């Protein structure tokens, strides 16, 4: 198997091609979470078809290219499905839809829904005495959603030690910096006050991601991942415009060259 650096480089190149073909946005936010998703799918999760599979929920579903490309690389879906991403009469939509392909656990678009559904899944697994785990990835802008905090209060009450949340803290959302729009800091202290096990890591360090995911805890865990929007391509990094910009021929060529 390729090492994770090779895998994530391939995933970013695939995402560029998908966005270029579809004329779609959301490249920057997809790049910021690639390392997290790849580490989970290739190093941590039980990826099977059965009830014993671990569940991964991408709540920030506009970053769907990161999940689709990983599912194809991991062999969960056919790579040819990626050719029909976000195009007329295509195969997979821009925002996640549960019935569109294997490996997509929820339909999502409006933010703040993934964690509540993850809490429900984790609780259901507990009731069935199923040892599978639930992993949820949320955005930092999504931390402004009240539904997340209701779920955050419920999870420790239900003793969901089978639930791990990753927070993509890239410090950019659709219209600016989160602290300019709806300040949510101090984020560590808030989650600790909600009785979660809290870790803060480099969200592009594969070993830190893996160690955080595998850490044992007797309560739900949140891993606050310091990430860079557009990570991997210099002209995209930490640039809000790459929430919306389209990948032209020149951007595709230059970005792909950097990822070599």
C-alpha atoms as a PDB file:
ATOM      1  CA  UNK A   1       0.000   0.000   0.000  1.00  0.00           C
ATOM      2  CA  UNK A   2       1.142   3.562  -0.695  1.00  0.00           C
ATOM      3  CA  UNK A   3       2.138   5.666   2.280  1.00  0.00           C
ATOM      4  CA  UNK A   4      -0.237   8.357   3.435  1.00  0.00           C
ATOM      5  CA  UNK A   5       1.738  11.194   1.873  1.00  0.00           C
ATOM      6  CA  UNK A   6       1.429   9.562  -1.551  1.00  0.00           C
ATOM      7  CA  UNK A   7      -2.242   8.783  -0.951  1.00  0.00           C
ATOM      8  CA  UNK A   8      -3.159  12.325   0.076  1.00  0.00           C
ATOM      9  CA  UNK A   9      -1.208  13.826  -2.840  1.00  0.00           C
ATOM     10  CA  UNK A  10      -3.188  11.563  -5.175  1.00  0.00           C
ATOM     11  CA  UNK A  11      -6.445  12.567  -3.483  1.00  0.00           C
ATOM     12  CA  UNK A  12      -5.718  16.264  -3.888  1.00  0.00           C
ATOM     13  CA  UNK A  13      -4.892  15.762  -7.573  1.00  0.00           C
ATOM     14  CA  UNK A  14      -8.152  13.850  -7.977  1.00  0.00           C
ATOM     15  CA  UNK A  15     -10.095  16.643  -6.272  1.00  0.00           C
ATOM     16  CA  UNK A  16      -8.557  19.217  -8.621  1.00  0.00           C
ATOM     17  CA  UNK A  17      -9.623  17.153 -11.617  1.00  0.00           C
ATOM     18  CA  UNK A  18     -13.146  16.674 -10.243  1.00  0.00           C
ATOM     19  CA  UNK A  19     -13.582  20.390  -9.593  1.00  0.00           C
ATOM     20  CA  UNK A  20     -12.127  21.282 -13.000  1.00  0.00           C
ATOM     21  CA  UNK A  21     -14.428  18.863 -14.818  1.00  0.00           C
ATOM     22  CA  UNK A  22     -17.537  20.008 -12.965  1.00  0.00           C
ATOM     23  CA  UNK A  23     -16.721  23.713 -12.791  1.00  0.00           C
ATOM     24  CA  UNK A  24     -17.489  23.478  -9.090  1.00  0.00           C
ATOM     25  CA  UNK A  25     -16.329  25.260  -5.953  1.00  0.00           C
ATOM     26  CA  UNK A  26     -15.233  24.057  -2.484  1.00  0.00           C
ATOM     27  CA  UNK A  27     -11.691  22.967  -3.320  1.00  0.00           C
ATOM     28  CA  UNK A  28     -10.074  24.769  -0.371  1.00  0.00           C
ATOM     29  CA  UNK A  29     -12.317  23.238   2.271  1.00  0.00           C
ATOM     30  CA  UNK A  30     -11.890  19.793   0.708  1.00  0.00           C
ATOM     31  CA  UNK A  31      -8.097  20.111   0.819  1.00  0.00           C
ATOM     32  CA  UNK A  32      -8.116  21.044   4.508  1.00  0.00           C
ATOM     33  CA  UNK A  33      -9.697  17.724   5.544  1.00  0.00           C
ATOM     34  CA  UNK A  34      -8.038  15.260   3.152  1.00  0.00           C
ATOM     35  CA  UNK A  35      -5.353  14.234   5.651  1.00  0.00           C
ATOM     36  CA  UNK A  36      -7.930  13.557   8.369  1.00  0.00           C
ATOM     37  CA  UNK A  37     -10.216  11.472   6.180  1.00  0.00           C
ATOM     38  CA  UNK A  38      -7.381   9.507   4.572  1.00  0.00           C
ATOM     39  CA  UNK A  39      -5.862   8.632   7.939  1.00  0.00           C
ATOM     40  CA  UNK A  40      -9.212   7.407   9.216  1.00  0.00           C
ATOM     41  CA  UNK A  41      -9.987   5.298   6.145  1.00  0.00           C
ATOM     42  CA  UNK A  42      -6.512   3.836   5.647  1.00  0.00           C
ATOM     43  CA  UNK A  43      -5.214   3.566   9.232  1.00  0.00           C
ATOM     44  CA  UNK A  44      -8.076   3.566  11.726  1.00  0.00           C
ATOM     45  CA  UNK A  45     -11.561   2.590  10.598  1.00  0.00           C
ATOM     46  CA  UNK A  46     -13.112  -0.800  10.000  1.00  0.00           C
ATOM     47  CA  UNK A  47     -14.328  -0.252   6.427  1.00  0.00           C
ATOM     48  CA  UNK A  48     -16.778  -3.029   5.572  1.00  0.00           C
ATOM     49  CA  UNK A  49     -20.332  -3.347   4.275  1.00  0.00           C
ATOM     50  CA  UNK A  50     -21.816  -4.905   7.409  1.00  0.00           C
ATOM     51  CA  UNK A  51     -23.386  -3.638  10.597  1.00  0.00           C
ATOM     52  CA  UNK A  52     -20.008  -3.924  12.335  1.00  0.00           C
ATOM     53  CA  UNK A  53     -18.508  -1.227  10.092  1.00  0.00           C
ATOM     54  CA  UNK A  54     -17.307   2.001  11.612  1.00  0.00           C
ATOM     55  CA  UNK A  55     -19.407   4.991  10.522  1.00  0.00           C
ATOM     56  CA  UNK A  56     -17.907   8.179   9.124  1.00  0.00           C
ATOM     57  CA  UNK A  57     -20.097  11.279   8.861  1.00  0.00           C
ATOM     58  CA  UNK A  58     -18.968  14.338   6.932  1.00  0.00           C
ATOM     59  CA  UNK A  59     -21.161  17.072   8.360  1.00  0.00           C
ATOM     60  CA  UNK A  60     -19.527  19.834   6.282  1.00  0.00           C
ATOM     61  CA  UNK A  61     -20.935  18.111   3.214  1.00  0.00           C
ATOM     62  CA  UNK A  62     -19.914  20.825   0.751  1.00  0.00           C
ATOM     63  CA  UNK A  63     -16.437  19.260   1.096  1.00  0.00           C
ATOM     64  CA  UNK A  64     -17.793  16.086  -0.472  1.00  0.00           C
ATOM     65  CA  UNK A  65     -14.946  15.760  -2.997  1.00  0.00           C
ATOM     66  CA  UNK A  66     -12.618  14.825  -0.147  1.00  0.00           C
ATOM     67  CA  UNK A  67     -14.870  11.938   0.868  1.00  0.00           C
ATOM     68  CA  UNK A  68     -15.737  10.750  -2.650  1.00  0.00           C
ATOM     69  CA  UNK A  69     -12.084  10.637  -3.708  1.00  0.00           C
ATOM     70  CA  UNK A  70     -11.147   8.736  -0.553  1.00  0.00           C
ATOM     71  CA  UNK A  71     -13.954   6.215  -1.024  1.00  0.00           C
ATOM     72  CA  UNK A  72     -12.712   5.580  -4.568  1.00  0.00           C
ATOM     73  CA  UNK A  73      -9.079   5.280  -3.481  1.00  0.00           C
ATOM     74  CA  UNK A  74     -10.043   2.884  -0.675  1.00  0.00           C
ATOM     75  CA  UNK A  75     -12.047   0.708  -3.069  1.00  0.00           C
ATOM     76  CA  UNK A  76     -15.460   1.413  -1.551  1.00  0.00           C
ATOM     77  CA  UNK A  77     -16.823   2.910  -4.793  1.00  0.00           C
ATOM     78  CA  UNK A  78     -15.788   2.631  -8.418  1.00  0.00           C
ATOM     79  CA  UNK A  79     -13.426   5.449  -9.480  1.00  0.00           C
ATOM     80  CA  UNK A  80     -15.496   5.998 -12.620  1.00  0.00           C
ATOM     81  CA  UNK A  81     -18.264   7.439 -10.420  1.00  0.00           C
ATOM     82  CA  UNK A  82     -16.043  10.462  -9.836  1.00  0.00           C
ATOM     83  CA  UNK A  83     -16.378  11.413 -13.505  1.00  0.00           C
ATOM     84  CA  UNK A  84     -20.047  12.156 -12.881  1.00  0.00           C
ATOM     85  CA  UNK A  85     -19.477  14.422  -9.885  1.00  0.00           C
ATOM     86  CA  UNK A  86     -21.742  17.499  -9.791  1.00  0.00           C
ATOM     87  CA  UNK A  87     -22.643  17.518 -13.483  1.00  0.00           C
ATOM     88  CA  UNK A  88     -25.986  17.311 -15.282  1.00  0.00           C
ATOM     89  CA  UNK A  89     -27.259  13.721 -15.354  1.00  0.00           C
ATOM     90  CA  UNK A  90     -24.220  12.773 -13.259  1.00  0.00           C
ATOM     91  CA  UNK A  91     -23.594  10.081 -10.671  1.00  0.00           C
ATOM     92  CA  UNK A  92     -22.818  11.858  -7.382  1.00  0.00           C
ATOM     93  CA  UNK A  93     -24.013  15.273  -6.158  1.00  0.00           C
ATOM     94  CA  UNK A  94     -22.067  18.264  -4.922  1.00  0.00           C
ATOM     95  CA  UNK A  95     -23.509  17.897  -1.419  1.00  0.00           C
ATOM     96  CA  UNK A  96     -23.697  14.428   0.071  1.00  0.00           C
ATOM     97  CA  UNK A  97     -26.810  12.345  -0.494  1.00  0.00           C
ATOM     98  CA  UNK A  98     -27.054   9.034   1.314  1.00  0.00           C
ATOM     99  CA  UNK A  99     -28.494   6.972  -1.513  1.00  0.00           C
ATOM    100  CA  UNK A 100     -26.094   8.250  -4.180  1.00  0.00           C
ATOM    101  CA  UNK A 101     -23.298   5.753  -3.554  1.00  0.00           C
ATOM    102  CA  UNK A 102     -21.816   3.350  -1.016  1.00  0.00           C
ATOM    103  CA  UNK A 103     -19.971   4.822   1.931  1.00  0.00           C
ATOM    104  CA  UNK A 104     -22.139   7.930   2.346  1.00  0.00           C
ATOM    105  CA  UNK A 105     -23.901   7.522   5.692  1.00  0.00           C
ATOM    106  CA  UNK A 106     -26.081  10.657   5.701  1.00  0.00           C
ATOM    107  CA  UNK A 107     -27.570  13.295   3.427  1.00  0.00           C
ATOM    108  CA  UNK A 108     -26.192  16.684   4.385  1.00  0.00           C
ATOM    109  CA  UNK A 109     -26.038  20.228   3.132  1.00  0.00           C
ATOM    110  CA  UNK A 110     -27.295  22.556   5.812  1.00  0.00           C
ATOM    111  CA  UNK A 111     -24.631  22.676   8.489  1.00  0.00           C
ATOM    112  CA  UNK A 112     -25.100  21.472  12.041  1.00  0.00           C
ATOM    113  CA  UNK A 113     -26.879  18.207  11.246  1.00  0.00           C
ATOM    114  CA  UNK A 114     -24.021  15.695  11.128  1.00  0.00           C
ATOM    115  CA  UNK A 115     -23.173  15.648  14.831  1.00  0.00           C
ATOM    116  CA  UNK A 116     -26.785  15.174  16.019  1.00  0.00           C
ATOM    117  CA  UNK A 117     -27.156  12.267  13.590  1.00  0.00           C
ATOM    118  CA  UNK A 118     -23.819  10.880  14.755  1.00  0.00           C
ATOM    119  CA  UNK A 119     -25.020  10.972  18.349  1.00  0.00           C
ATOM    120  CA  UNK A 120     -28.097   9.011  17.301  1.00  0.00           C
ATOM    121  CA  UNK A 121     -26.009   6.415  15.462  1.00  0.00           C
ATOM    122  CA  UNK A 122     -23.583   6.009  18.360  1.00  0.00           C
ATOM    123  CA  UNK A 123     -26.476   5.619  20.800  1.00  0.00           C
ATOM    124  CA  UNK A 124     -28.131   3.047  18.536  1.00  0.00           C
ATOM    125  CA  UNK A 125     -24.920   1.017  18.342  1.00  0.00           C
ATOM    126  CA  UNK A 126     -24.689   1.056  22.144  1.00  0.00           C
ATOM    127  CA  UNK A 127     -28.250  -0.202  22.472  1.00  0.00           C
ATOM    128  CA  UNK A 128     -27.419  -3.068  20.090  1.00  0.00           C
ATOM    129  CA  UNK A 129     -24.177  -3.898  21.948  1.00  0.00           C
ATOM    130  CA  UNK A 130     -22.353  -3.257  18.684  1.00  0.00           C
ATOM    131  CA  UNK A 131     -18.690  -2.257  19.147  1.00  0.00           C
ATOM    132  CA  UNK A 132     -18.513  -0.202  15.933  1.00  0.00           C
ATOM    133  CA  UNK A 133     -17.417   3.401  16.279  1.00  0.00           C
ATOM    134  CA  UNK A 134     -18.782   6.651  14.857  1.00  0.00           C
ATOM    135  CA  UNK A 135     -16.511   9.403  13.536  1.00  0.00           C
ATOM    136  CA  UNK A 136     -17.947  12.825  12.701  1.00  0.00           C
ATOM    137  CA  UNK A 137     -16.097  15.655  10.956  1.00  0.00           C
ATOM    138  CA  UNK A 138     -17.444  19.160  11.502  1.00  0.00           C
ATOM    139  CA  UNK A 139     -16.191  22.605  10.472  1.00  0.00           C
ATOM    140  CA  UNK A 140     -15.153  25.521  12.650  1.00  0.00           C
ATOM    141  CA  UNK A 141     -17.782  27.780  11.073  1.00  0.00           C
ATOM    142  CA  UNK A 142     -20.245  25.009  11.855  1.00  0.00           C
ATOM    143  CA  UNK A 143     -19.457  25.535  15.534  1.00  0.00           C
ATOM    144  CA  UNK A 144     -21.821  28.501  15.309  1.00  0.00           C
ATOM    145  CA  UNK A 145     -24.782  26.125  14.932  1.00  0.00           C
ATOM    146  CA  UNK A 146     -26.893  25.591  18.030  1.00  0.00           C
ATOM    147  CA  UNK A 147     -27.804  22.044  17.012  1.00  0.00           C
ATOM    148  CA  UNK A 148     -24.174  21.045  17.498  1.00  0.00           C
ATOM    149  CA  UNK A 149     -24.221  22.240  21.095  1.00  0.00           C
ATOM    150  CA  UNK A 150     -27.445  20.388  21.863  1.00  0.00           C
ATOM    151  CA  UNK A 151     -25.799  17.221  20.544  1.00  0.00           C
ATOM    152  CA  UNK A 152     -22.629  18.034  22.487  1.00  0.00           C
ATOM    153  CA  UNK A 153     -24.665  18.169  25.687  1.00  0.00           C
ATOM    154  CA  UNK A 154     -26.484  14.909  24.926  1.00  0.00           C
ATOM    155  CA  UNK A 155     -23.486  12.732  24.036  1.00  0.00           C
ATOM    156  CA  UNK A 156     -21.807  12.636  27.493  1.00  0.00           C
ATOM    157  CA  UNK A 157     -25.200  12.125  29.107  1.00  0.00           C
ATOM    158  CA  UNK A 158     -25.591   8.983  26.983  1.00  0.00           C
ATOM    159  CA  UNK A 159     -21.994   7.923  27.790  1.00  0.00           C
ATOM    160  CA  UNK A 160     -21.087   7.653  24.114  1.00  0.00           C
ATOM    161  CA  UNK A 161     -17.457   6.580  24.388  1.00  0.00           C
ATOM    162  CA  UNK A 162     -17.844   5.172  20.852  1.00  0.00           C
ATOM    163  CA  UNK A 163     -18.139   8.670  19.346  1.00  0.00           C
ATOM    164  CA  UNK A 164     -15.214  10.767  18.089  1.00  0.00           C
ATOM    165  CA  UNK A 165     -15.609  14.209  16.525  1.00  0.00           C
ATOM    166  CA  UNK A 166     -12.947  15.928  14.423  1.00  0.00           C
ATOM    167  CA  UNK A 167     -13.190  19.716  14.178  1.00  0.00           C
ATOM    168  CA  UNK A 168     -11.633  21.141  11.008  1.00  0.00           C
ATOM    169  CA  UNK A 169     -10.275  24.401  12.408  1.00  0.00           C
ATOM    170  CA  UNK A 170      -9.005  26.081   9.249  1.00  0.00           C
ATOM    171  CA  UNK A 171     -10.066  29.543  10.461  1.00  0.00           C
ATOM    172  CA  UNK A 172     -11.976  30.371   7.293  1.00  0.00           C
ATOM    173  CA  UNK A 173     -15.606  29.998   6.356  1.00  0.00           C
ATOM    174  CA  UNK A 174     -17.674  31.157   3.421  1.00  0.00           C
ATOM    175  CA  UNK A 175     -17.641  34.869   4.212  1.00  0.00           C
ATOM    176  CA  UNK A 176     -14.639  35.474   6.438  1.00  0.00           C
ATOM    177  CA  UNK A 177     -12.849  34.418   9.605  1.00  0.00           C
ATOM    178  CA  UNK A 178     -15.127  32.699  12.129  1.00  0.00           C
ATOM    179  CA  UNK A 179     -14.115  35.045  14.958  1.00  0.00           C
ATOM    180  CA  UNK A 180     -15.228  37.992  12.799  1.00  0.00           C
ATOM    181  CA  UNK A 181     -18.660  36.530  12.104  1.00  0.00           C
ATOM    182  CA  UNK A 182     -19.670  34.656  15.267  1.00  0.00           C
ATOM    183  CA  UNK A 183     -16.785  34.201  17.691  1.00  0.00           C
ATOM    184  CA  UNK A 184     -16.780  30.756  19.270  1.00  0.00           C
ATOM    185  CA  UNK A 185     -13.483  30.784  21.143  1.00  0.00           C
ATOM    186  CA  UNK A 186     -12.283  29.529  23.580  1.00  0.00           C
ATOM    187  CA  UNK A 187     -13.290  26.321  21.830  1.00  0.00           C
ATOM    188  CA  UNK A 188     -11.296  23.866  23.964  1.00  0.00           C
ATOM    189  CA  UNK A 189     -12.782  25.196  27.172  1.00  0.00           C
ATOM    190  CA  UNK A 190     -16.302  25.057  25.764  1.00  0.00           C
ATOM    191  CA  UNK A 191     -16.048  21.374  24.839  1.00  0.00           C
ATOM    192  CA  UNK A 192     -14.434  20.557  28.181  1.00  0.00           C
ATOM    193  CA  UNK A 193     -17.331  22.297  29.918  1.00  0.00           C
ATOM    194  CA  UNK A 194     -19.659  19.980  27.985  1.00  0.00           C
ATOM    195  CA  UNK A 195     -17.715  17.051  29.542  1.00  0.00           C
ATOM    196  CA  UNK A 196     -15.941  15.799  26.433  1.00  0.00           C
ATOM    197  CA  UNK A 197     -12.414  14.425  26.178  1.00  0.00           C
ATOM    198  CA  UNK A 198     -10.627  17.215  24.268  1.00  0.00           C
ATOM    199  CA  UNK A 199      -7.440  16.994  22.218  1.00  0.00           C
ATOM    200  CA  UNK A 200      -5.827  19.604  19.973  1.00  0.00           C
ATOM    201  CA  UNK A 201      -3.543  18.460  17.161  1.00  0.00           C
ATOM    202  CA  UNK A 202      -1.977  19.382  13.836  1.00  0.00           C
ATOM    203  CA  UNK A 203      -4.697  18.307  11.416  1.00  0.00           C
ATOM    204  CA  UNK A 204      -2.136  17.559   8.701  1.00  0.00           C
ATOM    205  CA  UNK A 205       0.048  15.268  10.839  1.00  0.00           C
ATOM    206  CA  UNK A 206      -0.970  11.688  10.082  1.00  0.00           C
ATOM    207  CA  UNK A 207       0.482  10.217  13.267  1.00  0.00           C
ATOM    208  CA  UNK A 208      -1.227  12.787  15.494  1.00  0.00           C
ATOM    209  CA  UNK A 209      -4.530  12.147  13.729  1.00  0.00           C
ATOM    210  CA  UNK A 210      -4.189   8.381  14.147  1.00  0.00           C
ATOM    211  CA  UNK A 211      -3.135   8.602  17.803  1.00  0.00           C
ATOM    212  CA  UNK A 212      -6.039  10.940  18.599  1.00  0.00           C
ATOM    213  CA  UNK A 213      -8.541   8.636  16.893  1.00  0.00           C
ATOM    214  CA  UNK A 214      -7.265   5.550  18.722  1.00  0.00           C
ATOM    215  CA  UNK A 215      -6.938   7.159  22.152  1.00  0.00           C
ATOM    216  CA  UNK A 216      -9.060   5.390  24.754  1.00  0.00           C
ATOM    217  CA  UNK A 217     -11.543   7.481  26.703  1.00  0.00           C
ATOM    218  CA  UNK A 218     -14.593   6.778  28.834  1.00  0.00           C
ATOM    219  CA  UNK A 219     -16.513   9.672  27.266  1.00  0.00           C
ATOM    220  CA  UNK A 220     -17.056  11.101  23.787  1.00  0.00           C
ATOM    221  CA  UNK A 221     -13.951  12.653  22.249  1.00  0.00           C
ATOM    222  CA  UNK A 222     -13.402  15.769  20.179  1.00  0.00           C
ATOM    223  CA  UNK A 223     -10.174  16.317  18.283  1.00  0.00           C
ATOM    224  CA  UNK A 224      -9.604  19.969  17.412  1.00  0.00           C
ATOM    225  CA  UNK A 225      -7.534  19.920  14.224  1.00  0.00           C
ATOM    226  CA  UNK A 226      -5.534  23.005  13.329  1.00  0.00           C
ATOM    227  CA  UNK A 227      -5.632  22.927   9.529  1.00  0.00           C
ATOM    228  CA  UNK A 228      -4.966  25.139   6.519  1.00  0.00           C
ATOM    229  CA  UNK A 229      -7.672  25.792   3.971  1.00  0.00           C
ATOM    230  CA  UNK A 230      -6.321  24.818   0.564  1.00  0.00           C
ATOM    231  CA  UNK A 231      -3.500  22.783   2.116  1.00  0.00           C
ATOM    232  CA  UNK A 232      -1.108  21.329  -0.447  1.00  0.00           C
ATOM    233  CA  UNK A 233      -1.218  23.973  -3.187  1.00  0.00           C
ATOM    234  CA  UNK A 234       0.580  27.195  -2.287  1.00  0.00           C
ATOM    235  CA  UNK A 235      -1.680  29.633  -4.154  1.00  0.00           C
ATOM    236  CA  UNK A 236      -4.760  28.141  -2.474  1.00  0.00           C
ATOM    237  CA  UNK A 237      -3.513  27.989   1.103  1.00  0.00           C
ATOM    238  CA  UNK A 238      -5.305  30.195   3.633  1.00  0.00           C
ATOM    239  CA  UNK A 239      -7.210  31.989   0.874  1.00  0.00           C
ATOM    240  CA  UNK A 240     -10.940  32.454   1.455  1.00  0.00           C
ATOM    241  CA  UNK A 241     -11.597  32.792  -2.281  1.00  0.00           C
ATOM    242  CA  UNK A 242     -10.884  29.077  -2.702  1.00  0.00           C
ATOM    243  CA  UNK A 243     -14.150  28.374  -0.959  1.00  0.00           C
ATOM    244  CA  UNK A 244     -15.719  29.566  -4.232  1.00  0.00           C
ATOM    245  CA  UNK A 245     -13.138  29.817  -7.029  1.00  0.00           C
ATOM    246  CA  UNK A 246     -13.368  27.394  -9.927  1.00  0.00           C
ATOM    247  CA  UNK A 247     -10.406  25.377 -11.163  1.00  0.00           C
ATOM    248  CA  UNK A 248      -9.521  26.693 -14.620  1.00  0.00           C
ATOM    249  CA  UNK A 249      -7.099  24.967 -16.993  1.00  0.00           C
ATOM    250  CA  UNK A 250      -4.192  27.002 -15.615  1.00  0.00           C
ATOM    251  CA  UNK A 251      -5.111  26.339 -11.988  1.00  0.00           C
ATOM    252  CA  UNK A 252      -5.386  22.617 -12.741  1.00  0.00           C
ATOM    253  CA  UNK A 253      -1.991  22.548 -14.417  1.00  0.00           C
ATOM    254  CA  UNK A 254      -0.192  24.604 -11.764  1.00  0.00           C
ATOM    255  CA  UNK A 255      -1.827  22.843  -8.829  1.00  0.00           C
ATOM    256  CA  UNK A 256      -1.096  19.399 -10.230  1.00  0.00           C
ATOM    257  CA  UNK A 257       2.539  20.359 -10.795  1.00  0.00           C
ATOM    258  CA  UNK A 258       2.899  21.358  -7.140  1.00  0.00           C
ATOM    259  CA  UNK A 259       1.364  18.077  -6.006  1.00  0.00           C
ATOM    260  CA  UNK A 260       4.004  16.058  -7.855  1.00  0.00           C
END
